Amino acid sequence: SPVVNVNEVASRGMEAEFNVILLDGWWMNIAASYNNTEFTDAPDVPCTDPGQGLDPNGPVWSFNTCDLKGEPAGILPDWSGVVTSEYSQQLGNSNVQWFLRGLYKVESERYDNDINSYLSGYYFVDLFAGFRSESWDVSFWVKNVLDRSNKLDVANTPLVPDYSKLGTIGPGGDQAFISSGYQWIENQLQPRTLGLTAAYRF
């Protein structure tokens, strides 16, 4: 596919983070961000795959163009936020602590340039519990506790020949191509996962 540069893209955003001590041994961290990126000057950008929807008598590798002014330019969500909280206490008179920690993450929908469409927003919850000292720690965790499912990155599969128009596109009987209607899921939320992590510091 043709690759071109655009004249101008504008990006606006902000971030905020707060740390709060709720009780002795109980803290919370809240982080949020906003990001908006769009084309502000992007005329004559190729927007059709070669050979699709063109004059049958035109050049084989010609393409249509679009003005993308105002269209999303990035792949990041507009809004995202993470809340992390942990409660911990000493285990008796020892130097060992037990702890419980939770993480909640949420993201708004995002525009995927590969498919020229939006991917839905999502959220998930992770939980951790364990013991730790100055030299070691052991934790049991469950990630994506609610077993949420969401696509994070997809791409259209390659074009396929349009056999119904064989020999009708372009000089010399060059063939037309159409979308297969399928997509590759390149990244997605992992299903609910349980695990155990142990570490020792020398």
N, C-alpha and C. Protein backbone atom coordinates (compact mmCIF):
# COMPACT_ATOMS: atom_id res chain seq x y z
N SER A 1 0.84 -1.19 0.00
CA SER A 1 0.00 0.00 0.00
C SER A 1 0.87 1.24 0.00
N PRO A 2 0.41 2.34 -0.62
CA PRO A 2 1.19 3.57 -0.64
C PRO A 2 1.44 4.09 0.77
N VAL A 3 2.61 4.66 0.99
CA VAL A 3 2.95 5.28 2.27
C VAL A 3 3.25 6.74 2.02
N VAL A 4 2.58 7.63 2.76
CA VAL A 4 2.78 9.06 2.56
C VAL A 4 2.92 9.74 3.92
N ASN A 5 3.47 10.96 3.89
CA ASN A 5 3.53 11.80 5.08
C ASN A 5 2.35 12.77 5.07
N VAL A 6 1.88 13.14 6.26
CA VAL A 6 0.83 14.16 6.36
C VAL A 6 1.48 15.45 6.84
N ASN A 7 0.75 16.55 6.67
CA ASN A 7 1.34 17.86 6.99
C ASN A 7 1.36 18.16 8.48
N GLU A 8 0.27 17.79 9.18
CA GLU A 8 0.22 18.21 10.59
C GLU A 8 -0.71 17.31 11.40
N VAL A 9 -0.27 17.00 12.61
CA VAL A 9 -1.05 16.24 13.58
C VAL A 9 -1.00 16.98 14.90
N ALA A 10 -2.12 17.09 15.58
CA ALA A 10 -2.17 17.75 16.89
C ALA A 10 -2.45 16.73 17.98
N SER A 11 -1.72 16.85 19.07
CA SER A 11 -1.89 15.93 20.20
C SER A 11 -2.10 16.74 21.47
N ARG A 12 -3.15 16.41 22.21
CA ARG A 12 -3.45 17.09 23.47
C ARG A 12 -3.69 16.04 24.54
N GLY A 13 -3.21 16.32 25.74
CA GLY A 13 -3.42 15.34 26.80
C GLY A 13 -3.03 15.86 28.16
N MET A 14 -3.32 15.06 29.17
CA MET A 14 -2.95 15.40 30.53
C MET A 14 -2.88 14.12 31.36
N GLU A 15 -2.12 14.18 32.43
CA GLU A 15 -1.97 13.06 33.35
C GLU A 15 -2.09 13.55 34.78
N ALA A 16 -2.61 12.70 35.64
CA ALA A 16 -2.70 13.03 37.06
C ALA A 16 -2.48 11.77 37.88
N GLU A 17 -1.82 11.93 39.02
CA GLU A 17 -1.56 10.79 39.90
C GLU A 17 -1.66 11.23 41.36
N PHE A 18 -2.32 10.41 42.17
CA PHE A 18 -2.51 10.72 43.59
C PHE A 18 -2.12 9.51 44.43
N ASN A 19 -1.44 9.77 45.54
CA ASN A 19 -1.12 8.75 46.52
C ASN A 19 -1.79 9.11 47.84
N VAL A 20 -2.52 8.16 48.41
CA VAL A 20 -3.27 8.43 49.63
C VAL A 20 -2.97 7.36 50.67
N ILE A 21 -2.68 7.78 51.89
CA ILE A 21 -2.54 6.86 53.02
C ILE A 21 -3.90 6.82 53.73
N LEU A 22 -4.58 5.69 53.66
CA LEU A 22 -5.92 5.58 54.23
C LEU A 22 -5.87 5.25 55.71
N LEU A 23 -5.05 4.28 56.07
CA LEU A 23 -4.85 3.87 57.47
C LEU A 23 -3.42 3.41 57.61
N ASP A 24 -3.03 3.10 58.82
CA ASP A 24 -1.70 2.54 59.04
C ASP A 24 -1.58 1.22 58.29
N GLY A 25 -0.68 1.17 57.32
CA GLY A 25 -0.49 -0.05 56.53
C GLY A 25 -1.39 -0.16 55.32
N TRP A 26 -2.25 0.85 55.09
CA TRP A 26 -3.17 0.79 53.95
C TRP A 26 -2.99 2.04 53.10
N TRP A 27 -2.55 1.85 51.84
CA TRP A 27 -2.34 2.96 50.92
C TRP A 27 -3.10 2.73 49.61
N MET A 28 -3.29 3.81 48.87
CA MET A 28 -3.97 3.74 47.57
C MET A 28 -3.29 4.69 46.60
N ASN A 29 -3.15 4.24 45.36
CA ASN A 29 -2.59 5.07 44.29
C ASN A 29 -3.62 5.15 43.16
N ILE A 30 -3.89 6.38 42.71
CA ILE A 30 -4.84 6.60 41.61
C ILE A 30 -4.12 7.36 40.51
N ALA A 31 -4.15 6.81 39.30
CA ALA A 31 -3.52 7.45 38.15
C ALA A 31 -4.51 7.49 36.99
N ALA A 32 -4.58 8.63 36.31
CA ALA A 32 -5.50 8.78 35.18
C ALA A 32 -4.83 9.61 34.10
N SER A 33 -5.21 9.36 32.86
CA SER A 33 -4.63 10.13 31.75
C SER A 33 -5.67 10.35 30.66
N TYR A 34 -5.51 11.46 29.94
CA TYR A 34 -6.35 11.80 28.80
C TYR A 34 -5.44 12.08 27.63
N ASN A 35 -5.77 11.53 26.46
CA ASN A 35 -4.95 11.73 25.27
C ASN A 35 -5.86 11.84 24.05
N ASN A 36 -5.65 12.88 23.26
CA ASN A 36 -6.42 13.05 22.03
C ASN A 36 -5.47 13.48 20.91
N THR A 37 -5.36 12.66 19.89
CA THR A 37 -4.48 12.95 18.77
C THR A 37 -5.28 12.85 17.48
N GLU A 38 -5.22 13.90 16.65
CA GLU A 38 -5.98 13.88 15.40
C GLU A 38 -5.23 14.59 14.29
N PHE A 39 -5.58 14.24 13.06
CA PHE A 39 -5.01 14.92 11.90
C PHE A 39 -5.61 16.32 11.79
N THR A 40 -4.76 17.33 11.65
CA THR A 40 -5.25 18.70 11.47
C THR A 40 -4.99 19.22 10.06
N ASP A 41 -4.07 18.60 9.34
CA ASP A 41 -3.79 18.98 7.95
C ASP A 41 -3.29 17.74 7.23
N ALA A 42 -4.22 17.00 6.62
CA ALA A 42 -3.85 15.73 5.98
C ALA A 42 -4.68 15.48 4.72
N PRO A 43 -4.49 16.34 3.69
CA PRO A 43 -5.24 16.13 2.44
C PRO A 43 -4.57 15.08 1.56
N ASP A 44 -5.33 14.53 0.64
CA ASP A 44 -4.80 13.63 -0.39
C ASP A 44 -4.07 12.43 0.19
N VAL A 45 -4.64 11.84 1.22
CA VAL A 45 -4.06 10.64 1.81
C VAL A 45 -4.69 9.40 1.16
N PRO A 46 -3.88 8.46 0.67
CA PRO A 46 -4.45 7.25 0.07
C PRO A 46 -5.39 6.55 1.05
N CYS A 47 -6.59 6.23 0.60
CA CYS A 47 -7.55 5.62 1.50
C CYS A 47 -8.25 4.42 0.90
N THR A 48 -7.76 3.94 -0.24
CA THR A 48 -8.33 2.76 -0.88
C THR A 48 -7.20 1.86 -1.32
N ASP A 49 -7.33 0.56 -1.13
CA ASP A 49 -6.30 -0.37 -1.56
C ASP A 49 -6.20 -0.35 -3.09
N PRO A 50 -4.99 -0.54 -3.64
CA PRO A 50 -4.82 -0.48 -5.09
C PRO A 50 -5.79 -1.41 -5.81
N GLY A 51 -6.40 -0.88 -6.86
CA GLY A 51 -7.26 -1.72 -7.70
C GLY A 51 -8.69 -1.81 -7.24
N GLN A 52 -9.05 -1.16 -6.12
CA GLN A 52 -10.42 -1.27 -5.61
C GLN A 52 -11.23 -0.03 -5.95
N GLY A 53 -12.42 -0.22 -6.49
CA GLY A 53 -13.37 0.86 -6.71
C GLY A 53 -12.87 1.94 -7.65
N LEU A 54 -12.03 1.58 -8.60
CA LEU A 54 -11.45 2.56 -9.50
C LEU A 54 -11.98 2.39 -10.92
N ASP A 55 -11.63 3.35 -11.76
CA ASP A 55 -12.00 3.29 -13.16
C ASP A 55 -11.35 2.05 -13.79
N PRO A 56 -12.14 1.14 -14.37
CA PRO A 56 -11.57 -0.08 -14.97
C PRO A 56 -10.52 0.22 -16.01
N ASN A 57 -10.58 1.40 -16.63
CA ASN A 57 -9.61 1.73 -17.67
C ASN A 57 -8.45 2.57 -17.15
N GLY A 58 -8.43 2.80 -15.83
CA GLY A 58 -7.37 3.61 -15.25
C GLY A 58 -6.13 2.79 -14.96
N PRO A 59 -5.08 3.43 -14.45
CA PRO A 59 -3.84 2.72 -14.12
C PRO A 59 -4.09 1.63 -13.08
N VAL A 60 -3.36 0.53 -13.20
CA VAL A 60 -3.57 -0.61 -12.30
C VAL A 60 -3.29 -0.22 -10.86
N TRP A 61 -2.23 0.56 -10.62
CA TRP A 61 -1.84 0.88 -9.25
C TRP A 61 -2.24 2.28 -8.84
N SER A 62 -3.33 2.79 -9.43
CA SER A 62 -3.86 4.08 -8.98
C SER A 62 -4.62 3.87 -7.68
N PHE A 63 -4.95 4.94 -6.98
CA PHE A 63 -5.67 4.81 -5.72
C PHE A 63 -6.47 6.07 -5.45
N ASN A 64 -7.53 5.92 -4.67
CA ASN A 64 -8.33 7.06 -4.25
C ASN A 64 -7.64 7.76 -3.09
N THR A 65 -8.00 9.02 -2.86
CA THR A 65 -7.45 9.77 -1.73
C THR A 65 -8.57 10.38 -0.90
N CYS A 66 -8.25 10.67 0.38
CA CYS A 66 -9.23 11.26 1.29
C CYS A 66 -8.57 12.39 2.07
N ASP A 67 -9.38 13.30 2.56
CA ASP A 67 -8.92 14.33 3.48
C ASP A 67 -9.22 13.85 4.89
N LEU A 68 -8.19 13.56 5.67
CA LEU A 68 -8.36 12.98 7.01
C LEU A 68 -8.41 14.02 8.11
N LYS A 69 -8.58 15.29 7.78
CA LYS A 69 -8.64 16.33 8.81
C LYS A 69 -9.74 16.00 9.82
N GLY A 70 -9.38 16.02 11.12
CA GLY A 70 -10.33 15.73 12.18
C GLY A 70 -10.44 14.26 12.54
N GLU A 71 -9.78 13.38 11.78
CA GLU A 71 -9.84 11.96 12.07
C GLU A 71 -8.78 11.58 13.13
N PRO A 72 -9.04 10.53 13.94
CA PRO A 72 -8.05 10.11 14.94
C PRO A 72 -6.74 9.70 14.28
N ALA A 73 -5.63 10.06 14.92
CA ALA A 73 -4.32 9.75 14.36
C ALA A 73 -3.53 8.76 15.21
N GLY A 74 -3.93 8.56 16.44
CA GLY A 74 -3.17 7.67 17.32
C GLY A 74 -3.90 6.38 17.59
N ILE A 75 -3.26 5.50 18.33
CA ILE A 75 -3.87 4.21 18.69
C ILE A 75 -4.15 4.13 20.19
N LEU A 76 -3.87 5.20 20.93
CA LEU A 76 -4.09 5.19 22.37
C LEU A 76 -5.55 5.53 22.67
N PRO A 77 -6.09 5.03 23.77
CA PRO A 77 -7.45 5.39 24.17
C PRO A 77 -7.50 6.84 24.63
N ASP A 78 -8.67 7.47 24.53
CA ASP A 78 -8.81 8.85 25.01
C ASP A 78 -8.60 8.91 26.52
N TRP A 79 -9.19 7.96 27.24
CA TRP A 79 -9.12 7.95 28.70
C TRP A 79 -8.58 6.62 29.20
N SER A 80 -7.79 6.67 30.24
CA SER A 80 -7.35 5.44 30.92
C SER A 80 -7.10 5.76 32.39
N GLY A 81 -7.29 4.76 33.23
CA GLY A 81 -7.09 4.96 34.66
C GLY A 81 -6.69 3.67 35.35
N VAL A 82 -5.91 3.82 36.40
CA VAL A 82 -5.47 2.66 37.19
C VAL A 82 -5.61 3.01 38.67
N VAL A 83 -6.24 2.13 39.43
CA VAL A 83 -6.33 2.28 40.88
C VAL A 83 -5.67 1.06 41.51
N THR A 84 -4.67 1.32 42.36
CA THR A 84 -3.96 0.26 43.06
C THR A 84 -4.06 0.51 44.56
N SER A 85 -4.35 -0.53 45.32
CA SER A 85 -4.45 -0.37 46.77
C SER A 85 -3.86 -1.61 47.45
N GLU A 86 -3.18 -1.36 48.58
CA GLU A 86 -2.56 -2.47 49.32
C GLU A 86 -2.73 -2.26 50.82
N TYR A 87 -2.98 -3.38 51.51
CA TYR A 87 -3.03 -3.38 52.97
C TYR A 87 -2.03 -4.41 53.46
N SER A 88 -1.18 -4.03 54.40
CA SER A 88 -0.15 -4.94 54.91
C SER A 88 0.05 -4.73 56.41
N GLN A 89 0.46 -5.81 57.10
CA GLN A 89 0.73 -5.76 58.54
C GLN A 89 1.87 -6.73 58.86
N GLN A 90 2.54 -6.43 59.99
CA GLN A 90 3.58 -7.35 60.45
C GLN A 90 2.96 -8.66 60.93
N LEU A 91 3.67 -9.74 60.72
CA LEU A 91 3.21 -11.05 61.16
C LEU A 91 3.79 -11.30 62.56
N GLY A 92 2.98 -11.03 63.58
CA GLY A 92 3.44 -11.19 64.96
C GLY A 92 4.60 -10.26 65.25
N ASN A 93 5.62 -10.80 65.93
CA ASN A 93 6.81 -10.03 66.27
C ASN A 93 7.96 -10.27 65.30
N SER A 94 7.69 -10.93 64.18
CA SER A 94 8.72 -11.23 63.20
C SER A 94 8.96 -10.04 62.28
N ASN A 95 9.95 -10.21 61.38
CA ASN A 95 10.22 -9.18 60.38
C ASN A 95 9.50 -9.48 59.07
N VAL A 96 8.50 -10.35 59.15
CA VAL A 96 7.72 -10.75 57.95
C VAL A 96 6.40 -9.98 57.92
N GLN A 97 6.03 -9.53 56.74
CA GLN A 97 4.75 -8.86 56.52
C GLN A 97 3.83 -9.75 55.68
N TRP A 98 2.53 -9.69 55.97
CA TRP A 98 1.56 -10.25 55.03
C TRP A 98 0.87 -9.08 54.34
N PHE A 99 0.42 -9.29 53.12
CA PHE A 99 -0.18 -8.18 52.39
C PHE A 99 -1.29 -8.67 51.46
N LEU A 100 -2.21 -7.78 51.19
CA LEU A 100 -3.26 -7.96 50.19
C LEU A 100 -3.22 -6.75 49.27
N ARG A 101 -3.24 -6.99 47.96
CA ARG A 101 -3.16 -5.87 47.01
C ARG A 101 -4.13 -6.11 45.86
N GLY A 102 -4.76 -5.04 45.42
CA GLY A 102 -5.67 -5.12 44.28
C GLY A 102 -5.36 -4.05 43.26
N LEU A 103 -5.64 -4.35 42.01
CA LEU A 103 -5.41 -3.41 40.92
C LEU A 103 -6.63 -3.39 40.01
N TYR A 104 -7.11 -2.19 39.69
CA TYR A 104 -8.24 -2.03 38.77
C TYR A 104 -7.80 -1.10 37.65
N LYS A 105 -7.93 -1.56 36.40
CA LYS A 105 -7.54 -0.74 35.25
C LYS A 105 -8.71 -0.63 34.29
N VAL A 106 -8.91 0.58 33.74
CA VAL A 106 -9.99 0.82 32.79
C VAL A 106 -9.46 1.68 31.65
N GLU A 107 -9.91 1.40 30.43
CA GLU A 107 -9.55 2.19 29.26
C GLU A 107 -10.79 2.41 28.41
N SER A 108 -10.90 3.60 27.83
CA SER A 108 -12.01 3.89 26.92
C SER A 108 -11.74 3.25 25.56
N GLU A 109 -12.70 3.37 24.66
CA GLU A 109 -12.51 2.82 23.33
C GLU A 109 -11.33 3.50 22.65
N ARG A 110 -10.74 2.82 21.68
CA ARG A 110 -9.60 3.37 20.95
C ARG A 110 -9.80 3.16 19.45
N TYR A 111 -9.21 4.05 18.66
CA TYR A 111 -9.32 3.94 17.20
C TYR A 111 -8.15 3.10 16.70
N ASP A 112 -8.45 2.13 15.86
CA ASP A 112 -7.43 1.26 15.29
C ASP A 112 -7.27 1.61 13.81
N ASN A 113 -6.12 2.20 13.47
CA ASN A 113 -5.89 2.63 12.09
C ASN A 113 -5.85 1.46 11.11
N ASP A 114 -5.47 0.29 11.58
CA ASP A 114 -5.35 -0.86 10.68
C ASP A 114 -6.70 -1.28 10.11
N ILE A 115 -7.77 -1.06 10.88
CA ILE A 115 -9.10 -1.49 10.42
C ILE A 115 -10.04 -0.30 10.24
N ASN A 116 -9.52 0.92 10.47
CA ASN A 116 -10.33 2.14 10.33
C ASN A 116 -11.62 2.06 11.12
N SER A 117 -11.51 1.61 12.34
CA SER A 117 -12.69 1.46 13.19
C SER A 117 -12.26 1.52 14.65
N TYR A 118 -13.24 1.57 15.56
CA TYR A 118 -12.96 1.65 16.99
C TYR A 118 -13.00 0.27 17.63
N LEU A 119 -12.09 0.06 18.58
CA LEU A 119 -12.13 -1.12 19.44
C LEU A 119 -12.76 -0.69 20.77
N SER A 120 -13.61 -1.53 21.33
CA SER A 120 -14.35 -1.17 22.53
C SER A 120 -13.44 -1.00 23.73
N GLY A 121 -13.90 -0.21 24.70
CA GLY A 121 -13.17 -0.04 25.94
C GLY A 121 -13.26 -1.29 26.80
N TYR A 122 -12.48 -1.32 27.87
CA TYR A 122 -12.45 -2.51 28.72
C TYR A 122 -11.97 -2.16 30.12
N TYR A 123 -12.12 -3.12 31.03
CA TYR A 123 -11.56 -2.99 32.37
C TYR A 123 -11.20 -4.39 32.87
N PHE A 124 -10.31 -4.45 33.85
CA PHE A 124 -10.01 -5.73 34.48
C PHE A 124 -9.53 -5.50 35.91
N VAL A 125 -9.54 -6.57 36.69
CA VAL A 125 -9.15 -6.52 38.09
C VAL A 125 -8.11 -7.61 38.35
N ASP A 126 -7.01 -7.25 39.02
CA ASP A 126 -5.99 -8.20 39.46
C ASP A 126 -5.92 -8.20 40.99
N LEU A 127 -5.71 -9.36 41.58
CA LEU A 127 -5.59 -9.48 43.03
C LEU A 127 -4.31 -10.22 43.40
N PHE A 128 -3.68 -9.78 44.49
CA PHE A 128 -2.42 -10.38 44.97
C PHE A 128 -2.50 -10.57 46.48
N ALA A 129 -1.89 -11.64 46.98
CA ALA A 129 -1.80 -11.89 48.42
C ALA A 129 -0.50 -12.64 48.69
N GLY A 130 0.17 -12.29 49.80
CA GLY A 130 1.42 -12.99 50.06
C GLY A 130 2.12 -12.53 51.32
N PHE A 131 3.38 -12.95 51.41
CA PHE A 131 4.24 -12.63 52.54
C PHE A 131 5.56 -12.09 52.00
N ARG A 132 6.23 -11.21 52.79
CA ARG A 132 7.52 -10.67 52.36
C ARG A 132 8.35 -10.25 53.56
N SER A 133 9.65 -10.26 53.32
CA SER A 133 10.59 -9.75 54.32
C SER A 133 11.61 -8.91 53.57
N GLU A 134 12.69 -8.53 54.23
CA GLU A 134 13.70 -7.71 53.57
C GLU A 134 14.42 -8.47 52.47
N SER A 135 14.49 -9.79 52.59
CA SER A 135 15.28 -10.56 51.62
C SER A 135 14.46 -11.46 50.71
N TRP A 136 13.19 -11.67 50.97
CA TRP A 136 12.39 -12.56 50.12
C TRP A 136 10.92 -12.15 50.14
N ASP A 137 10.20 -12.63 49.15
CA ASP A 137 8.75 -12.45 49.15
C ASP A 137 8.11 -13.56 48.32
N VAL A 138 6.91 -13.92 48.72
CA VAL A 138 6.12 -14.94 48.05
C VAL A 138 4.71 -14.38 47.88
N SER A 139 4.16 -14.47 46.68
CA SER A 139 2.81 -13.96 46.47
C SER A 139 2.02 -14.89 45.56
N PHE A 140 0.76 -15.02 45.88
CA PHE A 140 -0.19 -15.74 45.03
C PHE A 140 -1.05 -14.68 44.35
N TRP A 141 -1.30 -14.83 43.05
CA TRP A 141 -2.04 -13.80 42.34
C TRP A 141 -3.06 -14.39 41.37
N VAL A 142 -4.08 -13.59 41.14
CA VAL A 142 -5.09 -13.91 40.13
C VAL A 142 -5.23 -12.68 39.24
N LYS A 143 -4.91 -12.82 37.98
CA LYS A 143 -5.01 -11.70 37.04
C LYS A 143 -6.27 -11.85 36.19
N ASN A 144 -6.90 -10.73 35.90
CA ASN A 144 -8.17 -10.70 35.19
C ASN A 144 -9.20 -11.56 35.92
N VAL A 145 -9.42 -11.21 37.17
CA VAL A 145 -10.28 -11.99 38.07
C VAL A 145 -11.67 -12.23 37.47
N LEU A 146 -12.21 -11.22 36.81
CA LEU A 146 -13.57 -11.33 36.26
C LEU A 146 -13.59 -11.99 34.89
N ASP A 147 -12.41 -12.42 34.41
CA ASP A 147 -12.30 -13.12 33.13
C ASP A 147 -12.88 -12.29 31.99
N ARG A 148 -12.52 -11.02 31.94
CA ARG A 148 -12.97 -10.14 30.88
C ARG A 148 -12.29 -10.49 29.56
N SER A 149 -12.97 -10.26 28.46
CA SER A 149 -12.42 -10.54 27.13
C SER A 149 -12.53 -9.29 26.28
N ASN A 150 -11.43 -8.91 25.63
CA ASN A 150 -11.47 -7.73 24.78
C ASN A 150 -10.29 -7.74 23.80
N LYS A 151 -10.55 -7.30 22.57
CA LYS A 151 -9.49 -7.18 21.58
C LYS A 151 -8.70 -5.90 21.85
N LEU A 152 -7.38 -6.00 21.81
CA LEU A 152 -6.51 -4.84 22.03
C LEU A 152 -5.85 -4.36 20.75
N ASP A 153 -5.66 -5.26 19.79
CA ASP A 153 -5.03 -4.89 18.53
C ASP A 153 -5.45 -5.90 17.47
N VAL A 154 -5.99 -5.43 16.37
CA VAL A 154 -6.42 -6.31 15.29
C VAL A 154 -5.93 -5.75 13.96
N ALA A 155 -5.95 -6.57 12.93
CA ALA A 155 -5.55 -6.14 11.59
C ALA A 155 -6.37 -6.93 10.58
N ASN A 156 -6.67 -6.29 9.47
CA ASN A 156 -7.37 -6.98 8.40
C ASN A 156 -6.44 -7.98 7.72
N THR A 157 -6.99 -9.10 7.31
CA THR A 157 -6.21 -10.07 6.55
C THR A 157 -5.99 -9.52 5.14
N PRO A 158 -5.01 -10.06 4.41
CA PRO A 158 -4.73 -9.54 3.05
C PRO A 158 -5.95 -9.66 2.13
N LEU A 159 -5.95 -8.80 1.12
CA LEU A 159 -7.02 -8.86 0.12
C LEU A 159 -6.96 -10.19 -0.63
N VAL A 160 -8.10 -10.59 -1.13
CA VAL A 160 -8.19 -11.84 -1.90
C VAL A 160 -8.73 -11.51 -3.29
N PRO A 161 -8.42 -12.33 -4.29
CA PRO A 161 -8.91 -12.06 -5.65
C PRO A 161 -10.43 -12.09 -5.71
N ASP A 162 -10.98 -11.18 -6.50
CA ASP A 162 -12.42 -11.17 -6.76
C ASP A 162 -12.65 -11.89 -8.08
N TYR A 163 -12.90 -13.19 -7.98
CA TYR A 163 -13.01 -14.02 -9.18
C TYR A 163 -14.23 -13.67 -10.02
N SER A 164 -15.20 -12.97 -9.44
CA SER A 164 -16.37 -12.57 -10.22
C SER A 164 -16.02 -11.48 -11.23
N LYS A 165 -14.88 -10.80 -11.01
CA LYS A 165 -14.48 -9.73 -11.93
C LYS A 165 -13.16 -10.06 -12.61
N LEU A 166 -12.87 -11.32 -12.73
CA LEU A 166 -11.62 -11.75 -13.35
C LEU A 166 -11.50 -11.18 -14.76
N GLY A 167 -10.40 -10.48 -15.02
CA GLY A 167 -10.15 -9.96 -16.35
C GLY A 167 -10.89 -8.69 -16.68
N THR A 168 -11.50 -8.04 -15.68
CA THR A 168 -12.29 -6.83 -15.98
C THR A 168 -11.64 -5.56 -15.44
N ILE A 169 -10.58 -5.67 -14.63
CA ILE A 169 -9.98 -4.49 -14.01
C ILE A 169 -8.61 -4.21 -14.61
N GLY A 170 -8.42 -2.99 -15.08
CA GLY A 170 -7.12 -2.55 -15.53
C GLY A 170 -6.76 -3.07 -16.90
N PRO A 171 -5.79 -2.44 -17.52
CA PRO A 171 -5.33 -2.88 -18.85
C PRO A 171 -4.68 -4.25 -18.77
N GLY A 172 -4.89 -5.02 -19.78
CA GLY A 172 -4.27 -6.34 -19.83
C GLY A 172 -4.98 -7.38 -18.99
N GLY A 173 -6.19 -7.05 -18.49
CA GLY A 173 -6.94 -8.06 -17.73
C GLY A 173 -6.46 -8.27 -16.33
N ASP A 174 -5.92 -7.21 -15.69
CA ASP A 174 -5.48 -7.34 -14.30
C ASP A 174 -6.68 -7.55 -13.40
N GLN A 175 -6.50 -8.37 -12.37
CA GLN A 175 -7.63 -8.81 -11.55
C GLN A 175 -7.92 -7.87 -10.40
N ALA A 176 -9.21 -7.79 -10.01
CA ALA A 176 -9.61 -6.99 -8.87
C ALA A 176 -9.41 -7.77 -7.58
N PHE A 177 -9.25 -7.04 -6.48
CA PHE A 177 -9.09 -7.66 -5.17
C PHE A 177 -10.14 -7.09 -4.22
N ILE A 178 -10.61 -7.91 -3.31
CA ILE A 178 -11.61 -7.50 -2.33
C ILE A 178 -11.19 -7.95 -0.95
N SER A 179 -11.86 -7.40 0.06
CA SER A 179 -11.58 -7.80 1.44
C SER A 179 -12.06 -9.23 1.69
N SER A 180 -11.31 -9.97 2.50
CA SER A 180 -11.70 -11.33 2.84
C SER A 180 -12.81 -11.35 3.90
N GLY A 181 -12.96 -10.22 4.61
CA GLY A 181 -13.95 -10.17 5.67
C GLY A 181 -13.45 -10.70 7.01
N TYR A 182 -12.20 -11.16 7.05
CA TYR A 182 -11.63 -11.71 8.28
C TYR A 182 -10.60 -10.75 8.87
N GLN A 183 -10.32 -10.93 10.16
CA GLN A 183 -9.33 -10.11 10.83
C GLN A 183 -8.40 -10.98 11.67
N TRP A 184 -7.16 -10.52 11.80
CA TRP A 184 -6.22 -11.14 12.73
C TRP A 184 -6.35 -10.46 14.08
N ILE A 185 -6.45 -11.22 15.15
CA ILE A 185 -6.39 -10.66 16.49
C ILE A 185 -4.94 -10.75 16.94
N GLU A 186 -4.25 -9.61 16.93
CA GLU A 186 -2.83 -9.58 17.22
C GLU A 186 -2.53 -9.47 18.70
N ASN A 187 -3.50 -8.94 19.46
CA ASN A 187 -3.31 -8.83 20.91
C ASN A 187 -4.68 -8.74 21.56
N GLN A 188 -4.85 -9.39 22.70
CA GLN A 188 -6.12 -9.34 23.42
C GLN A 188 -5.88 -9.56 24.90
N LEU A 189 -6.88 -9.23 25.72
CA LEU A 189 -6.76 -9.49 27.15
C LEU A 189 -6.55 -10.98 27.39
N GLN A 190 -5.60 -11.28 28.26
CA GLN A 190 -5.39 -12.68 28.62
C GLN A 190 -6.55 -13.14 29.51
N PRO A 191 -6.97 -14.40 29.38
CA PRO A 191 -8.05 -14.90 30.25
C PRO A 191 -7.60 -14.95 31.71
N ARG A 192 -8.55 -15.22 32.61
CA ARG A 192 -8.21 -15.32 34.03
C ARG A 192 -7.02 -16.25 34.22
N THR A 193 -6.02 -15.77 34.95
CA THR A 193 -4.78 -16.53 35.13
C THR A 193 -4.40 -16.53 36.60
N LEU A 194 -4.04 -17.72 37.13
CA LEU A 194 -3.60 -17.86 38.51
C LEU A 194 -2.12 -18.20 38.51
N GLY A 195 -1.42 -17.69 39.51
CA GLY A 195 0.00 -17.98 39.56
C GLY A 195 0.60 -17.73 40.93
N LEU A 196 1.84 -18.15 41.07
CA LEU A 196 2.61 -17.99 42.31
C LEU A 196 3.97 -17.45 41.96
N THR A 197 4.39 -16.39 42.65
CA THR A 197 5.70 -15.78 42.40
C THR A 197 6.51 -15.77 43.68
N ALA A 198 7.77 -16.19 43.56
CA ALA A 198 8.67 -16.20 44.70
C ALA A 198 9.97 -15.52 44.30
N ALA A 199 10.53 -14.71 45.17
CA ALA A 199 11.77 -14.01 44.88
C ALA A 199 12.65 -13.97 46.11
N TYR A 200 13.96 -14.05 45.88
CA TYR A 200 14.95 -13.96 46.96
C TYR A 200 16.02 -12.96 46.56
N ARG A 201 16.33 -12.01 47.43
CA ARG A 201 17.29 -10.98 47.14
C ARG A 201 18.60 -11.25 47.89
N PHE A 202 19.68 -11.39 47.14
CA PHE A 202 20.98 -11.69 47.74
C PHE A 202 21.64 -10.42 48.27
